[in-house]
All heavy atoms as atom14 arrays in JSON, in Angstrom:
{
  "sequence": "GENIAVGYADAASVIAAWQGSTGHYQNMINTVYTRGAIAHMYDGD",
  "atom14_mask": [
    [1, 1, 1, 1, 0, 0, 0, 0, 0, 0, 0, 0, 0, 0],
    [1, 1, 1, 1, 1, 1, 1, 1, 1, 0, 0, 0, 0, 0],
    [1, 1, 1, 1, 1, 1, 1, 1, 0, 0, 0, 0, 0, 0],
    [1, 1, 1, 1, 1, 1, 1, 1, 0, 0, 0, 0, 0, 0],
    [1, 1, 1, 1, 1, 0, 0, 0, 0, 0, 0, 0, 0, 0],
    [1, 1, 1, 1, 1, 1, 1, 0, 0, 0, 0, 0, 0, 0],
    [1, 1, 1, 1, 0, 0, 0, 0, 0, 0, 0, 0, 0, 0],
    [1, 1, 1, 1, 1, 1, 1, 1, 1, 1, 1, 1, 0, 0],
    [1, 1, 1, 1, 1, 0, 0, 0, 0, 0, 0, 0, 0, 0],
    [1, 1, 1, 1, 1, 1, 1, 1, 0, 0, 0, 0, 0, 0],
    [1, 1, 1, 1, 1, 0, 0, 0, 0, 0, 0, 0, 0, 0],
    [1, 1, 1, 1, 1, 0, 0, 0, 0, 0, 0, 0, 0, 0],
    [1, 1, 1, 1, 1, 1, 0, 0, 0, 0, 0, 0, 0, 0],
    [1, 1, 1, 1, 1, 1, 1, 0, 0, 0, 0, 0, 0, 0],
    [1, 1, 1, 1, 1, 1, 1, 1, 0, 0, 0, 0, 0, 0],
    [1, 1, 1, 1, 1, 0, 0, 0, 0, 0, 0, 0, 0, 0],
    [1, 1, 1, 1, 1, 0, 0, 0, 0, 0, 0, 0, 0, 0],
    [1, 1, 1, 1, 1, 1, 1, 1, 1, 1, 1, 1, 1, 1],
    [1, 1, 1, 1, 1, 1, 1, 1, 1, 0, 0, 0, 0, 0],
    [1, 1, 1, 1, 0, 0, 0, 0, 0, 0, 0, 0, 0, 0],
    [1, 1, 1, 1, 1, 1, 0, 0, 0, 0, 0, 0, 0, 0],
    [1, 1, 1, 1, 1, 1, 1, 0, 0, 0, 0, 0, 0, 0],
    [1, 1, 1, 1, 0, 0, 0, 0, 0, 0, 0, 0, 0, 0],
    [1, 1, 1, 1, 1, 1, 1, 1, 1, 1, 0, 0, 0, 0],
    [1, 1, 1, 1, 1, 1, 1, 1, 1, 1, 1, 1, 0, 0],
    [1, 1, 1, 1, 1, 1, 1, 1, 1, 0, 0, 0, 0, 0],
    [1, 1, 1, 1, 1, 1, 1, 1, 0, 0, 0, 0, 0, 0],
    [1, 1, 1, 1, 1, 1, 1, 1, 0, 0, 0, 0, 0, 0],
    [1, 1, 1, 1, 1, 1, 1, 1, 0, 0, 0, 0, 0, 0],
    [1, 1, 1, 1, 1, 1, 1, 1, 0, 0, 0, 0, 0, 0],
    [1, 1, 1, 1, 1, 1, 1, 0, 0, 0, 0, 0, 0, 0],
    [1, 1, 1, 1, 1, 1, 1, 0, 0, 0, 0, 0, 0, 0],
    [1, 1, 1, 1, 1, 1, 1, 1, 1, 1, 1, 1, 0, 0],
    [1, 1, 1, 1, 1, 1, 1, 0, 0, 0, 0, 0, 0, 0],
    [1, 1, 1, 1, 1, 1, 1, 1, 1, 1, 1, 0, 0, 0],
    [1, 1, 1, 1, 0, 0, 0, 0, 0, 0, 0, 0, 0, 0],
    [1, 1, 1, 1, 1, 0, 0, 0, 0, 0, 0, 0, 0, 0],
    [1, 1, 1, 1, 1, 1, 1, 1, 0, 0, 0, 0, 0, 0],
    [1, 1, 1, 1, 1, 0, 0, 0, 0, 0, 0, 0, 0, 0],
    [1, 1, 1, 1, 1, 1, 1, 1, 1, 1, 0, 0, 0, 0],
    [1, 1, 1, 1, 1, 1, 1, 1, 0, 0, 0, 0, 0, 0],
    [1, 1, 1, 1, 1, 1, 1, 1, 1, 1, 1, 1, 0, 0],
    [1, 1, 1, 1, 1, 1, 1, 1, 0, 0, 0, 0, 0, 0],
    [1, 1, 1, 1, 0, 0, 0, 0, 0, 0, 0, 0, 0, 0],
    [1, 1, 1, 1, 1, 1, 1, 1, 0, 0, 0, 0, 0, 0]
  ],
  "atom14_positions": [
    [[141.93, 80.48, 68.76], [140.79, 80.97, 68.07], [139.63, 80.03, 68.14], [139.69, 78.78, 68.3], [0.0, 0.0, 0.0], [0.0, 0.0, 0.0], [0.0, 0.0, 0.0], [0.0, 0.0, 0.0], [0.0, 0.0, 0.0], [0.0, 0.0, 0.0], [0.0, 0.0, 0.0], [0.0, 0.0, 0.0], [0.0, 0.0, 0.0], [0.0, 0.0, 0.0]],
    [[138.36, 80.57, 68.29], [137.18, 79.74, 68.41], [135.99, 80.5, 67.91], [135.7, 81.66, 68.08], [136.9, 79.44, 69.9], [135.7, 78.63, 70.21], [135.39, 78.48, 71.68], [134.82, 79.35, 72.36], [135.84, 77.42, 72.21], [0.0, 0.0, 0.0], [0.0, 0.0, 0.0], [0.0, 0.0, 0.0], [0.0, 0.0, 0.0], [0.0, 0.0, 0.0]],
    [[135.08, 79.77, 67.05], [133.87, 80.17, 66.61], [132.74, 79.32, 67.26], [132.92, 78.01, 67.34], [133.66, 80.09, 65.2], [134.45, 81.18, 64.32], [134.94, 82.18, 64.93], [134.52, 81.07, 63.08], [0.0, 0.0, 0.0], [0.0, 0.0, 0.0], [0.0, 0.0, 0.0], [0.0, 0.0, 0.0], [0.0, 0.0, 0.0], [0.0, 0.0, 0.0]],
    [[131.72, 79.89, 67.8], [130.61, 79.07, 68.23], [129.29, 79.56, 67.76], [129.1, 80.6, 67.25], [130.58, 79.01, 69.85], [130.25, 80.52, 70.31], [131.81, 78.57, 70.47], [130.08, 80.64, 71.82], [0.0, 0.0, 0.0], [0.0, 0.0, 0.0], [0.0, 0.0, 0.0], [0.0, 0.0, 0.0], [0.0, 0.0, 0.0], [0.0, 0.0, 0.0]],
    [[128.28, 78.56, 67.72], [127.03, 78.9, 67.03], [125.94, 78.03, 67.75], [126.29, 76.93, 68.19], [127.01, 78.88, 65.53], [0.0, 0.0, 0.0], [0.0, 0.0, 0.0], [0.0, 0.0, 0.0], [0.0, 0.0, 0.0], [0.0, 0.0, 0.0], [0.0, 0.0, 0.0], [0.0, 0.0, 0.0], [0.0, 0.0, 0.0], [0.0, 0.0, 0.0]],
    [[124.69, 78.5, 67.69], [123.64, 77.7, 68.17], [122.52, 77.9, 67.25], [122.16, 79.07, 66.79], [123.21, 78.04, 69.55], [122.82, 79.47, 69.64], [122.05, 77.14, 70.1], [0.0, 0.0, 0.0], [0.0, 0.0, 0.0], [0.0, 0.0, 0.0], [0.0, 0.0, 0.0], [0.0, 0.0, 0.0], [0.0, 0.0, 0.0], [0.0, 0.0, 0.0]],
    [[121.76, 76.73, 66.9], [120.49, 76.91, 66.12], [120.57, 76.52, 64.72], [119.58, 76.51, 64.01], [0.0, 0.0, 0.0], [0.0, 0.0, 0.0], [0.0, 0.0, 0.0], [0.0, 0.0, 0.0], [0.0, 0.0, 0.0], [0.0, 0.0, 0.0], [0.0, 0.0, 0.0], [0.0, 0.0, 0.0], [0.0, 0.0, 0.0], [0.0, 0.0, 0.0]],
    [[121.72, 76.39, 64.11], [121.86, 75.99, 62.7], [121.86, 74.55, 62.47], [122.71, 73.77, 63.04], [123.11, 76.7, 62.11], [123.07, 78.16, 62.17], [123.66, 78.88, 63.22], [122.46, 78.94, 61.22], [123.5, 80.3, 63.3], [122.31, 80.28, 61.32], [122.84, 80.98, 62.41], [122.83, 82.36, 62.45], [0.0, 0.0, 0.0], [0.0, 0.0, 0.0]],
    [[120.92, 74.04, 61.59], [120.62, 72.6, 61.6], [121.6, 71.85, 60.75], [121.72, 70.65, 60.77], [119.25, 72.34, 61.11], [0.0, 0.0, 0.0], [0.0, 0.0, 0.0], [0.0, 0.0, 0.0], [0.0, 0.0, 0.0], [0.0, 0.0, 0.0], [0.0, 0.0, 0.0], [0.0, 0.0, 0.0], [0.0, 0.0, 0.0], [0.0, 0.0, 0.0]],
    [[122.5, 72.52, 59.92], [123.35, 71.84, 59.04], [124.64, 72.61, 58.77], [124.75, 73.82, 59.1], [122.62, 71.52, 57.64], [122.18, 72.69, 56.92], [122.8, 73.73, 56.81], [120.91, 72.73, 56.53], [0.0, 0.0, 0.0], [0.0, 0.0, 0.0], [0.0, 0.0, 0.0], [0.0, 0.0, 0.0], [0.0, 0.0, 0.0], [0.0, 0.0, 0.0]],
    [[125.72, 71.91, 58.19], [126.91, 72.49, 57.97], [126.89, 73.89, 57.04], [127.47, 74.77, 57.32], [127.85, 71.46, 57.33], [0.0, 0.0, 0.0], [0.0, 0.0, 0.0], [0.0, 0.0, 0.0], [0.0, 0.0, 0.0], [0.0, 0.0, 0.0], [0.0, 0.0, 0.0], [0.0, 0.0, 0.0], [0.0, 0.0, 0.0], [0.0, 0.0, 0.0]],
    [[126.07, 73.66, 56.07], [126.03, 74.86, 55.04], [125.42, 76.1, 55.69], [126.17, 77.15, 55.49], [125.11, 74.48, 53.9], [0.0, 0.0, 0.0], [0.0, 0.0, 0.0], [0.0, 0.0, 0.0], [0.0, 0.0, 0.0], [0.0, 0.0, 0.0], [0.0, 0.0, 0.0], [0.0, 0.0, 0.0], [0.0, 0.0, 0.0], [0.0, 0.0, 0.0]],
    [[124.46, 75.89, 56.67], [123.79, 77.11, 57.2], [124.8, 77.73, 58.23], [124.92, 78.95, 58.37], [122.53, 76.86, 57.8], [122.61, 75.79, 58.75], [0.0, 0.0, 0.0], [0.0, 0.0, 0.0], [0.0, 0.0, 0.0], [0.0, 0.0, 0.0], [0.0, 0.0, 0.0], [0.0, 0.0, 0.0], [0.0, 0.0, 0.0], [0.0, 0.0, 0.0]],
    [[125.53, 76.97, 59.0], [126.39, 77.55, 60.02], [127.57, 78.16, 59.38], [128.03, 79.28, 59.82], [126.8, 76.44, 61.1], [127.77, 75.49, 60.6], [127.36, 77.17, 62.33], [0.0, 0.0, 0.0], [0.0, 0.0, 0.0], [0.0, 0.0, 0.0], [0.0, 0.0, 0.0], [0.0, 0.0, 0.0], [0.0, 0.0, 0.0], [0.0, 0.0, 0.0]],
    [[128.21, 77.53, 58.35], [129.32, 78.18, 57.67], [128.95, 79.46, 57.11], [129.63, 80.47, 57.07], [129.86, 77.17, 56.65], [130.6, 76.02, 57.34], [130.89, 77.91, 55.76], [131.78, 76.27, 58.14], [0.0, 0.0, 0.0], [0.0, 0.0, 0.0], [0.0, 0.0, 0.0], [0.0, 0.0, 0.0], [0.0, 0.0, 0.0], [0.0, 0.0, 0.0]],
    [[127.68, 79.62, 56.5], [127.13, 80.78, 55.86], [126.99, 81.82, 56.98], [127.26, 83.04, 56.67], [125.83, 80.5, 55.11], [0.0, 0.0, 0.0], [0.0, 0.0, 0.0], [0.0, 0.0, 0.0], [0.0, 0.0, 0.0], [0.0, 0.0, 0.0], [0.0, 0.0, 0.0], [0.0, 0.0, 0.0], [0.0, 0.0, 0.0], [0.0, 0.0, 0.0]],
    [[126.53, 81.43, 58.09], [126.32, 82.44, 59.24], [127.72, 82.97, 59.72], [127.85, 84.2, 59.88], [125.55, 81.79, 60.32], [0.0, 0.0, 0.0], [0.0, 0.0, 0.0], [0.0, 0.0, 0.0], [0.0, 0.0, 0.0], [0.0, 0.0, 0.0], [0.0, 0.0, 0.0], [0.0, 0.0, 0.0], [0.0, 0.0, 0.0], [0.0, 0.0, 0.0]],
    [[128.64, 82.07, 59.89], [129.94, 82.58, 60.28], [130.62, 83.44, 59.21], [131.23, 84.45, 59.54], [131.0, 81.41, 60.55], [130.62, 80.76, 61.9], [130.04, 81.25, 62.98], [130.93, 79.34, 62.25], [129.9, 80.4, 64.06], [130.47, 79.19, 63.67], [131.51, 78.34, 61.6], [130.67, 77.97, 64.34], [131.71, 77.05, 62.32], [131.14, 76.97, 63.64]],
    [[130.42, 83.03, 57.9], [131.0, 83.86, 56.87], [130.34, 85.21, 56.83], [131.13, 86.29, 56.34], [130.57, 83.18, 55.47], [131.28, 83.92, 54.34], [130.94, 83.19, 52.95], [130.09, 82.26, 52.91], [131.47, 83.57, 51.91], [0.0, 0.0, 0.0], [0.0, 0.0, 0.0], [0.0, 0.0, 0.0], [0.0, 0.0, 0.0], [0.0, 0.0, 0.0]],
    [[129.13, 85.36, 57.2], [128.38, 86.67, 57.14], [128.77, 87.64, 58.33], [128.25, 88.7, 58.4], [0.0, 0.0, 0.0], [0.0, 0.0, 0.0], [0.0, 0.0, 0.0], [0.0, 0.0, 0.0], [0.0, 0.0, 0.0], [0.0, 0.0, 0.0], [0.0, 0.0, 0.0], [0.0, 0.0, 0.0], [0.0, 0.0, 0.0], [0.0, 0.0, 0.0]],
    [[129.59, 87.09, 59.24], [130.02, 88.0, 60.39], [131.5, 88.12, 60.31], [132.34, 87.23, 60.19], [129.72, 87.23, 61.67], [130.29, 87.87, 62.78], [0.0, 0.0, 0.0], [0.0, 0.0, 0.0], [0.0, 0.0, 0.0], [0.0, 0.0, 0.0], [0.0, 0.0, 0.0], [0.0, 0.0, 0.0], [0.0, 0.0, 0.0], [0.0, 0.0, 0.0]],
    [[131.88, 89.43, 60.48], [133.33, 89.79, 60.34], [134.3, 89.04, 61.25], [135.31, 88.5, 60.84], [133.51, 91.29, 60.61], [132.66, 91.97, 59.65], [134.97, 91.75, 60.39], [0.0, 0.0, 0.0], [0.0, 0.0, 0.0], [0.0, 0.0, 0.0], [0.0, 0.0, 0.0], [0.0, 0.0, 0.0], [0.0, 0.0, 0.0], [0.0, 0.0, 0.0]],
    [[133.86, 88.99, 62.53], [134.79, 88.32, 63.49], [134.88, 86.83, 63.18], [135.98, 86.35, 63.32], [0.0, 0.0, 0.0], [0.0, 0.0, 0.0], [0.0, 0.0, 0.0], [0.0, 0.0, 0.0], [0.0, 0.0, 0.0], [0.0, 0.0, 0.0], [0.0, 0.0, 0.0], [0.0, 0.0, 0.0], [0.0, 0.0, 0.0], [0.0, 0.0, 0.0]],
    [[133.8, 86.22, 62.91], [133.8, 84.72, 62.58], [134.71, 84.51, 61.3], [135.53, 83.55, 61.22], [132.46, 84.14, 62.35], [131.59, 84.26, 63.58], [130.92, 85.44, 63.91], [131.23, 83.28, 64.42], [130.13, 85.17, 64.84], [130.39, 83.87, 65.28], [0.0, 0.0, 0.0], [0.0, 0.0, 0.0], [0.0, 0.0, 0.0], [0.0, 0.0, 0.0]],
    [[134.38, 85.29, 60.38], [135.16, 85.13, 58.99], [136.61, 85.28, 59.17], [137.39, 84.55, 58.6], [134.57, 86.12, 58.01], [135.01, 85.88, 56.59], [134.83, 84.64, 55.89], [135.72, 86.91, 56.0], [135.38, 84.49, 54.68], [136.12, 86.79, 54.68], [135.99, 85.61, 54.02], [136.53, 85.43, 52.78], [0.0, 0.0, 0.0], [0.0, 0.0, 0.0]],
    [[137.04, 86.29, 59.97], [138.46, 86.51, 60.15], [139.12, 85.25, 60.78], [140.24, 84.89, 60.45], [138.68, 87.76, 60.87], [138.25, 89.05, 60.13], [139.05, 89.15, 58.79], [140.42, 88.92, 58.79], [138.41, 89.55, 57.77], [0.0, 0.0, 0.0], [0.0, 0.0, 0.0], [0.0, 0.0, 0.0], [0.0, 0.0, 0.0], [0.0, 0.0, 0.0]],
    [[138.38, 84.63, 61.75], [138.95, 83.43, 62.35], [139.18, 82.38, 61.22], [140.1, 81.67, 61.13], [138.06, 82.93, 63.36], [138.39, 83.41, 64.77], [139.45, 83.97, 64.99], [137.45, 83.13, 65.69], [0.0, 0.0, 0.0], [0.0, 0.0, 0.0], [0.0, 0.0, 0.0], [0.0, 0.0, 0.0], [0.0, 0.0, 0.0], [0.0, 0.0, 0.0]],
    [[138.03, 82.22, 60.35], [138.04, 81.18, 59.39], [139.16, 81.28, 58.25], [139.64, 80.33, 57.83], [136.65, 81.15, 58.72], [135.53, 80.71, 59.56], [133.89, 81.13, 58.89], [133.71, 79.73, 57.78], [0.0, 0.0, 0.0], [0.0, 0.0, 0.0], [0.0, 0.0, 0.0], [0.0, 0.0, 0.0], [0.0, 0.0, 0.0], [0.0, 0.0, 0.0]],
    [[139.63, 82.57, 57.99], [140.54, 82.71, 56.9], [141.86, 83.25, 57.44], [142.68, 83.57, 56.64], [139.97, 83.61, 55.83], [139.73, 85.12, 56.42], [138.72, 83.2, 55.25], [139.55, 86.11, 55.28], [0.0, 0.0, 0.0], [0.0, 0.0, 0.0], [0.0, 0.0, 0.0], [0.0, 0.0, 0.0], [0.0, 0.0, 0.0], [0.0, 0.0, 0.0]],
    [[142.02, 83.21, 58.74], [143.25, 83.8, 59.36], [144.44, 82.98, 58.82], [144.45, 81.69, 59.13], [143.11, 83.83, 60.81], [144.17, 84.73, 61.52], [145.3, 84.8, 61.0], [143.88, 85.29, 62.68], [0.0, 0.0, 0.0], [0.0, 0.0, 0.0], [0.0, 0.0, 0.0], [0.0, 0.0, 0.0], [0.0, 0.0, 0.0], [0.0, 0.0, 0.0]],
    [[145.42, 83.62, 58.26], [146.63, 82.76, 57.84], [147.55, 82.39, 58.85], [148.42, 81.58, 58.62], [147.39, 83.58, 56.79], [147.78, 84.82, 57.34], [146.5, 83.91, 55.48], [0.0, 0.0, 0.0], [0.0, 0.0, 0.0], [0.0, 0.0, 0.0], [0.0, 0.0, 0.0], [0.0, 0.0, 0.0], [0.0, 0.0, 0.0], [0.0, 0.0, 0.0]],
    [[147.25, 82.91, 60.13], [148.13, 82.41, 61.26], [147.89, 81.11, 61.61], [148.7, 80.36, 62.11], [147.95, 83.46, 62.47], [148.64, 82.97, 63.8], [148.4, 84.81, 62.12], [0.0, 0.0, 0.0], [0.0, 0.0, 0.0], [0.0, 0.0, 0.0], [0.0, 0.0, 0.0], [0.0, 0.0, 0.0], [0.0, 0.0, 0.0], [0.0, 0.0, 0.0]],
    [[146.53, 80.67, 61.43], [146.13, 79.3, 61.89], [146.6, 78.3, 60.84], [146.44, 78.47, 59.69], [144.63, 79.31, 62.07], [144.2, 80.22, 63.13], [142.94, 81.0, 62.96], [144.87, 80.35, 64.35], [142.43, 81.83, 63.91], [144.38, 81.27, 65.36], [143.18, 81.96, 65.01], [142.67, 82.89, 66.01], [0.0, 0.0, 0.0], [0.0, 0.0, 0.0]],
    [[147.0, 77.17, 61.36], [147.42, 76.05, 60.39], [146.65, 74.77, 60.77], [146.64, 73.81, 60.0], [148.87, 75.73, 60.58], [149.22, 75.46, 61.92], [149.65, 77.0, 60.09], [0.0, 0.0, 0.0], [0.0, 0.0, 0.0], [0.0, 0.0, 0.0], [0.0, 0.0, 0.0], [0.0, 0.0, 0.0], [0.0, 0.0, 0.0], [0.0, 0.0, 0.0]],
    [[146.07, 74.62, 61.96], [145.34, 73.45, 62.32], [143.92, 73.81, 62.88], [143.56, 74.9, 63.31], [146.06, 72.7, 63.43], [147.47, 72.25, 63.03], [148.18, 71.54, 64.27], [148.46, 72.49, 65.34], [148.02, 72.37, 66.55], [147.37, 71.35, 66.92], [148.3, 73.3, 67.47], [0.0, 0.0, 0.0], [0.0, 0.0, 0.0], [0.0, 0.0, 0.0]],
    [[142.96, 72.79, 62.84], [141.65, 73.14, 63.44], [140.76, 71.83, 63.4], [141.15, 70.85, 63.07], [0.0, 0.0, 0.0], [0.0, 0.0, 0.0], [0.0, 0.0, 0.0], [0.0, 0.0, 0.0], [0.0, 0.0, 0.0], [0.0, 0.0, 0.0], [0.0, 0.0, 0.0], [0.0, 0.0, 0.0], [0.0, 0.0, 0.0], [0.0, 0.0, 0.0]],
    [[139.6, 72.07, 63.86], [138.55, 71.02, 63.83], [137.21, 71.64, 64.18], [137.14, 72.84, 64.6], [138.91, 70.04, 64.91], [0.0, 0.0, 0.0], [0.0, 0.0, 0.0], [0.0, 0.0, 0.0], [0.0, 0.0, 0.0], [0.0, 0.0, 0.0], [0.0, 0.0, 0.0], [0.0, 0.0, 0.0], [0.0, 0.0, 0.0], [0.0, 0.0, 0.0]],
    [[136.14, 70.96, 63.76], [134.75, 71.5, 64.06], [133.97, 70.39, 64.59], [134.02, 69.19, 64.09], [134.11, 71.96, 62.7], [134.89, 73.13, 62.18], [132.68, 72.42, 62.94], [134.24, 73.76, 60.89], [0.0, 0.0, 0.0], [0.0, 0.0, 0.0], [0.0, 0.0, 0.0], [0.0, 0.0, 0.0], [0.0, 0.0, 0.0], [0.0, 0.0, 0.0]],
    [[133.19, 70.67, 65.61], [132.18, 69.63, 66.27], [130.86, 70.16, 66.25], [130.54, 71.33, 66.21], [132.66, 69.4, 67.7], [0.0, 0.0, 0.0], [0.0, 0.0, 0.0], [0.0, 0.0, 0.0], [0.0, 0.0, 0.0], [0.0, 0.0, 0.0], [0.0, 0.0, 0.0], [0.0, 0.0, 0.0], [0.0, 0.0, 0.0], [0.0, 0.0, 0.0]],
    [[129.83, 69.21, 66.2], [128.4, 69.45, 66.1], [127.72, 68.63, 67.11], [127.9, 67.46, 67.32], [127.91, 69.2, 64.72], [126.43, 69.41, 64.55], [125.81, 68.57, 63.72], [125.53, 70.09, 65.08], [124.47, 68.87, 63.8], [124.31, 69.89, 64.68], [0.0, 0.0, 0.0], [0.0, 0.0, 0.0], [0.0, 0.0, 0.0], [0.0, 0.0, 0.0]],
    [[126.82, 69.31, 67.91], [126.03, 68.6, 68.93], [124.57, 69.02, 68.88], [124.24, 70.18, 68.47], [126.53, 68.82, 70.37], [125.77, 68.13, 71.44], [126.53, 68.53, 73.05], [125.91, 70.08, 73.35], [0.0, 0.0, 0.0], [0.0, 0.0, 0.0], [0.0, 0.0, 0.0], [0.0, 0.0, 0.0], [0.0, 0.0, 0.0], [0.0, 0.0, 0.0]],
    [[123.64, 68.07, 68.99], [122.25, 68.42, 69.03], [121.6, 67.68, 70.23], [122.12, 66.65, 70.61], [121.43, 68.24, 67.76], [121.72, 66.92, 67.03], [121.02, 65.8, 67.43], [122.61, 66.83, 66.11], [121.23, 64.56, 66.7], [122.9, 65.69, 65.35], [122.24, 64.55, 65.73], [122.46, 63.36, 65.08], [0.0, 0.0, 0.0], [0.0, 0.0, 0.0]],
    [[120.36, 68.12, 70.71], [119.92, 67.52, 71.87], [118.43, 67.12, 71.67], [117.83, 67.27, 70.54], [119.91, 68.55, 73.03], [119.13, 69.8, 72.83], [118.2, 69.83, 71.97], [119.5, 70.77, 73.36], [0.0, 0.0, 0.0], [0.0, 0.0, 0.0], [0.0, 0.0, 0.0], [0.0, 0.0, 0.0], [0.0, 0.0, 0.0], [0.0, 0.0, 0.0]],
    [[117.78, 66.65, 72.71], [116.47, 66.14, 72.6], [115.43, 67.18, 72.22], [114.24, 66.91, 71.88], [0.0, 0.0, 0.0], [0.0, 0.0, 0.0], [0.0, 0.0, 0.0], [0.0, 0.0, 0.0], [0.0, 0.0, 0.0], [0.0, 0.0, 0.0], [0.0, 0.0, 0.0], [0.0, 0.0, 0.0], [0.0, 0.0, 0.0], [0.0, 0.0, 0.0]],
    [[115.72, 68.47, 72.49], [114.83, 69.52, 72.05], [114.94, 70.04, 70.66], [114.35, 70.96, 70.19], [114.99, 70.79, 73.03], [114.44, 70.54, 74.38], [113.63, 69.57, 74.56], [114.86, 71.27, 75.31], [0.0, 0.0, 0.0], [0.0, 0.0, 0.0], [0.0, 0.0, 0.0], [0.0, 0.0, 0.0], [0.0, 0.0, 0.0], [0.0, 0.0, 0.0]]
  ]
}
């Protein structure tokens, strides 16, 4: 499973965006998953 996003400047806003989308949210609360991680990158622009 994988969620991706671009343009959200902080953790709260990206989590809220994923929560507001059915596909993202189902990944986040799927009981099949037991392990995970989240990474964040920003650039010169």
